[in-house]
Amino acid sequence: MIETLTGVKPKAHRMKNGKIMIECGRAHLEGFMSYAELADIIARWLEERGR
């Protein structure tokens, strides 16, 4: 899912306790930021239309 949203495949490691740790870097964070900007625009659009 992270790769689909950001276009960059994250690194993943399986821990000794069986949990999976996913590492996201700067490219991932920049990719996520574009959705935050979109969320603000959508919220304003809904607010203007009284929804």
PDB file of N, CA and C in Angstrom:
ATOM      1  N   MET A   1       0.821  -1.181   0.000  1.00  0.00           N
ATOM      2  CA  MET A   1       0.000   0.000   0.000  1.00  0.00           C
ATOM      3  C   MET A   1       0.872   1.255   0.000  1.00  0.00           C
ATOM      4  N   ILE A   2       1.929   1.234   0.771  1.00  0.00           N
ATOM      5  CA  ILE A   2       2.834   2.393   0.825  1.00  0.00           C
ATOM      6  C   ILE A   2       3.433   2.647  -0.547  1.00  0.00           C
ATOM      7  N   GLU A   3       3.839   1.591  -1.227  1.00  0.00           N
ATOM      8  CA  GLU A   3       4.422   1.748  -2.563  1.00  0.00           C
ATOM      9  C   GLU A   3       3.386   2.314  -3.539  1.00  0.00           C
ATOM     10  N   THR A   4       2.156   1.882  -3.427  1.00  0.00           N
ATOM     11  CA  THR A   4       1.105   2.383  -4.304  1.00  0.00           C
ATOM     12  C   THR A   4       0.855   3.865  -4.069  1.00  0.00           C
ATOM     13  N   LEU A   5       0.843   4.286  -2.817  1.00  0.00           N
ATOM     14  CA  LEU A   5       0.562   5.688  -2.493  1.00  0.00           C
ATOM     15  C   LEU A   5       1.726   6.624  -2.799  1.00  0.00           C
ATOM     16  N   THR A   6       2.961   6.141  -2.617  1.00  0.00           N
ATOM     17  CA  THR A   6       4.124   7.025  -2.745  1.00  0.00           C
ATOM     18  C   THR A   6       4.961   6.773  -3.992  1.00  0.00           C
ATOM     19  N   GLY A   7       4.815   5.599  -4.590  1.00  0.00           N
ATOM     20  CA  GLY A   7       5.627   5.250  -5.746  1.00  0.00           C
ATOM     21  C   GLY A   7       6.998   4.710  -5.382  1.00  0.00           C
ATOM     22  N   VAL A   8       7.262   4.522  -4.083  1.00  0.00           N
ATOM     23  CA  VAL A   8       8.566   4.031  -3.621  1.00  0.00           C
ATOM     24  C   VAL A   8       8.329   2.836  -2.695  1.00  0.00           C
ATOM     25  N   LYS A   9       9.014   1.726  -2.991  1.00  0.00           N
ATOM     26  CA  LYS A   9       8.855   0.525  -2.171  1.00  0.00           C
ATOM     27  C   LYS A   9       9.623   0.691  -0.853  1.00  0.00           C
ATOM     28  N   PRO A  10       8.964   0.476   0.297  1.00  0.00           N
ATOM     29  CA  PRO A  10       9.667   0.608   1.581  1.00  0.00           C
ATOM     30  C   PRO A  10      10.478  -0.650   1.897  1.00  0.00           C
ATOM     31  N   LYS A  11      11.424  -0.513   2.802  1.00  0.00           N
ATOM     32  CA  LYS A  11      12.177  -1.671   3.281  1.00  0.00           C
ATOM     33  C   LYS A  11      11.359  -2.310   4.398  1.00  0.00           C
ATOM     34  N   ALA A  12      11.352  -3.633   4.455  1.00  0.00           N
ATOM     35  CA  ALA A  12      10.620  -4.353   5.491  1.00  0.00           C
ATOM     36  C   ALA A  12      11.537  -5.393   6.129  1.00  0.00           C
ATOM     37  N   HIS A  13      11.434  -5.521   7.450  1.00  0.00           N
ATOM     38  CA  HIS A  13      12.245  -6.466   8.206  1.00  0.00           C
ATOM     39  C   HIS A  13      11.335  -7.244   9.150  1.00  0.00           C
ATOM     40  N   ARG A  14      11.541  -8.546   9.229  1.00  0.00           N
ATOM     41  CA  ARG A  14      10.803  -9.358  10.195  1.00  0.00           C
ATOM     42  C   ARG A  14      11.619  -9.411  11.480  1.00  0.00           C
ATOM     43  N   MET A  15      10.993  -9.067  12.581  1.00  0.00           N
ATOM     44  CA  MET A  15      11.651  -9.060  13.887  1.00  0.00           C
ATOM     45  C   MET A  15      11.653 -10.473  14.474  1.00  0.00           C
ATOM     46  N   LYS A  16      12.457 -10.699  15.504  1.00  0.00           N
ATOM     47  CA  LYS A  16      12.533 -12.015  16.144  1.00  0.00           C
ATOM     48  C   LYS A  16      11.195 -12.428  16.753  1.00  0.00           C
ATOM     49  N   ASN A  17      10.398 -11.443  17.182  1.00  0.00           N
ATOM     50  CA  ASN A  17       9.111 -11.745  17.799  1.00  0.00           C
ATOM     51  C   ASN A  17       8.005 -11.966  16.757  1.00  0.00           C
ATOM     52  N   GLY A  18       8.363 -11.969  15.469  1.00  0.00           N
ATOM     53  CA  GLY A  18       7.395 -12.230  14.410  1.00  0.00           C
ATOM     54  C   GLY A  18       6.757 -10.987  13.810  1.00  0.00           C
ATOM     55  N   LYS A  19       6.939  -9.842  14.449  1.00  0.00           N
ATOM     56  CA  LYS A  19       6.370  -8.600  13.920  1.00  0.00           C
ATOM     57  C   LYS A  19       7.177  -8.129  12.718  1.00  0.00           C
ATOM     58  N   ILE A  20       6.539  -7.351  11.859  1.00  0.00           N
ATOM     59  CA  ILE A  20       7.214  -6.814  10.682  1.00  0.00           C
ATOM     60  C   ILE A  20       7.403  -5.316  10.870  1.00  0.00           C
ATOM     61  N   MET A  21       8.638  -4.839  10.672  1.00  0.00           N
ATOM     62  CA  MET A  21       8.941  -3.418  10.778  1.00  0.00           C
ATOM     63  C   MET A  21       9.142  -2.874   9.367  1.00  0.00           C
ATOM     64  N   ILE A  22       8.432  -1.801   9.048  1.00  0.00           N
ATOM     65  CA  ILE A  22       8.543  -1.175   7.740  1.00  0.00           C
ATOM     66  C   ILE A  22       9.271   0.147   7.894  1.00  0.00           C
ATOM     67  N   GLU A  23      10.294   0.373   7.069  1.00  0.00           N
ATOM     68  CA  GLU A  23      11.073   1.606   7.116  1.00  0.00           C
ATOM     69  C   GLU A  23      10.653   2.525   5.971  1.00  0.00           C
ATOM     70  N   CYS A  24      10.249   3.726   6.321  1.00  0.00           N
ATOM     71  CA  CYS A  24       9.901   4.734   5.326  1.00  0.00           C
ATOM     72  C   CYS A  24      10.928   5.860   5.407  1.00  0.00           C
ATOM     73  N   GLY A  25      11.339   6.340   4.262  1.00  0.00           N
ATOM     74  CA  GLY A  25      12.324   7.414   4.213  1.00  0.00           C
ATOM     75  C   GLY A  25      11.705   8.716   3.727  1.00  0.00           C
ATOM     76  N   ARG A  26      12.574   9.635   3.374  1.00  0.00           N
ATOM     77  CA  ARG A  26      12.139  10.975   2.954  1.00  0.00           C
ATOM     78  C   ARG A  26      11.206  10.921   1.739  1.00  0.00           C
ATOM     79  N   ALA A  27      11.526  10.064   0.774  1.00  0.00           N
ATOM     80  CA  ALA A  27      10.690   9.966  -0.425  1.00  0.00           C
ATOM     81  C   ALA A  27       9.273   9.535  -0.066  1.00  0.00           C
ATOM     82  N   HIS A  28       9.156   8.638   0.907  1.00  0.00           N
ATOM     83  CA  HIS A  28       7.825   8.199   1.338  1.00  0.00           C
ATOM     84  C   HIS A  28       7.074   9.352   1.998  1.00  0.00           C
ATOM     85  N   LEU A  29       7.747  10.068   2.875  1.00  0.00           N
ATOM     86  CA  LEU A  29       7.102  11.180   3.582  1.00  0.00           C
ATOM     87  C   LEU A  29       6.658  12.260   2.607  1.00  0.00           C
ATOM     88  N   GLU A  30       7.491  12.549   1.615  1.00  0.00           N
ATOM     89  CA  GLU A  30       7.106  13.539   0.606  1.00  0.00           C
ATOM     90  C   GLU A  30       5.882  13.059  -0.183  1.00  0.00           C
ATOM     91  N   GLY A  31       5.835  11.760  -0.471  1.00  0.00           N
ATOM     92  CA  GLY A  31       4.684  11.194  -1.168  1.00  0.00           C
ATOM     93  C   GLY A  31       3.420  11.305  -0.338  1.00  0.00           C
ATOM     94  N   PHE A  32       3.523  11.045   0.967  1.00  0.00           N
ATOM     95  CA  PHE A  32       2.362  11.166   1.861  1.00  0.00           C
ATOM     96  C   PHE A  32       1.903  12.613   1.989  1.00  0.00           C
ATOM     97  N   MET A  33       2.840  13.556   1.936  1.00  0.00           N
ATOM     98  CA  MET A  33       2.492  14.978   2.071  1.00  0.00           C
ATOM     99  C   MET A  33       1.562  15.430   0.954  1.00  0.00           C
ATOM    100  N   SER A  34       1.685  14.868  -0.223  1.00  0.00           N
ATOM    101  CA  SER A  34       0.803  15.276  -1.315  1.00  0.00           C
ATOM    102  C   SER A  34      -0.643  14.932  -0.984  1.00  0.00           C
ATOM    103  N   TYR A  35      -0.868  13.854  -0.242  1.00  0.00           N
ATOM    104  CA  TYR A  35      -2.225  13.493   0.149  1.00  0.00           C
ATOM    105  C   TYR A  35      -2.742  14.419   1.248  1.00  0.00           C
ATOM    106  N   ALA A  36      -1.861  14.902   2.113  1.00  0.00           N
ATOM    107  CA  ALA A  36      -2.279  15.857   3.145  1.00  0.00           C
ATOM    108  C   ALA A  36      -2.765  17.142   2.489  1.00  0.00           C
ATOM    109  N   GLU A  37      -2.069  17.597   1.459  1.00  0.00           N
ATOM    110  CA  GLU A  37      -2.492  18.803   0.747  1.00  0.00           C
ATOM    111  C   GLU A  37      -3.837  18.562   0.063  1.00  0.00           C
ATOM    112  N   LEU A  38      -4.014  17.404  -0.510  1.00  0.00           N
ATOM    113  CA  LEU A  38      -5.268  17.065  -1.162  1.00  0.00           C
ATOM    114  C   LEU A  38      -6.401  17.010  -0.140  1.00  0.00           C
ATOM    115  N   ALA A  39      -6.130  16.472   1.037  1.00  0.00           N
ATOM    116  CA  ALA A  39      -7.143  16.395   2.089  1.00  0.00           C
ATOM    117  C   ALA A  39      -7.616  17.790   2.485  1.00  0.00           C
ATOM    118  N   ASP A  40      -6.716  18.758   2.582  1.00  0.00           N
ATOM    119  CA  ASP A  40      -7.091  20.134   2.917  1.00  0.00           C
ATOM    120  C   ASP A  40      -7.982  20.734   1.837  1.00  0.00           C
ATOM    121  N   ILE A  41      -7.649  20.491   0.590  1.00  0.00           N
ATOM    122  CA  ILE A  41      -8.437  21.019  -0.528  1.00  0.00           C
ATOM    123  C   ILE A  41      -9.838  20.411  -0.522  1.00  0.00           C
ATOM    124  N   ILE A  42      -9.930  19.116  -0.296  1.00  0.00           N
ATOM    125  CA  ILE A  42     -11.233  18.448  -0.254  1.00  0.00           C
ATOM    126  C   ILE A  42     -12.060  18.967   0.914  1.00  0.00           C
ATOM    127  N   ALA A  43     -11.447  19.156   2.072  1.00  0.00           N
ATOM    128  CA  ALA A  43     -12.166  19.666   3.242  1.00  0.00           C
ATOM    129  C   ALA A  43     -12.726  21.055   2.959  1.00  0.00           C
ATOM    130  N   ARG A  44     -11.941  21.922   2.330  1.00  0.00           N
ATOM    131  CA  ARG A  44     -12.433  23.263   1.984  1.00  0.00           C
ATOM    132  C   ARG A  44     -13.581  23.179   0.989  1.00  0.00           C
ATOM    133  N   TRP A  45     -13.459  22.303   0.008  1.00  0.00           N
ATOM    134  CA  TRP A  45     -14.497  22.143  -1.005  1.00  0.00           C
ATOM    135  C   TRP A  45     -15.810  21.702  -0.359  1.00  0.00           C
ATOM    136  N   LEU A  46     -15.740  20.732   0.553  1.00  0.00           N
ATOM    137  CA  LEU A  46     -16.934  20.262   1.251  1.00  0.00           C
ATOM    138  C   LEU A  46     -17.520  21.360   2.131  1.00  0.00           C
ATOM    139  N   GLU A  47     -16.666  22.116   2.781  1.00  0.00           N
ATOM    140  CA  GLU A  47     -17.120  23.217   3.645  1.00  0.00           C
ATOM    141  C   GLU A  47     -17.858  24.276   2.838  1.00  0.00           C
ATOM    142  N   GLU A  48     -17.342  24.626   1.674  1.00  0.00           N
ATOM    143  CA  GLU A  48     -17.968  25.626   0.810  1.00  0.00           C
ATOM    144  C   GLU A  48     -19.341  25.183   0.327  1.00  0.00           C
ATOM    145  N   ARG A  49     -19.536  23.897   0.191  1.00  0.00           N
ATOM    146  CA  ARG A  49     -20.796  23.366  -0.294  1.00  0.00           C
ATOM    147  C   ARG A  49     -21.745  22.972   0.820  1.00  0.00           C
ATOM    148  N   GLY A  50     -21.369  23.278   2.056  1.00  0.00           N
ATOM    149  CA  GLY A  50     -22.228  23.029   3.213  1.00  0.00           C
ATOM    150  C   GLY A  50     -22.409  21.566   3.551  1.00  0.00           C
ATOM    151  N   ARG A  51     -21.418  20.773   3.312  1.00  0.00           N
ATOM    152  CA  ARG A  51     -21.508  19.340   3.623  1.00  0.00           C
ATOM    153  C   ARG A  51     -20.722  18.994   4.843  1.00  0.00           C
TER     154      ARG A  51
END
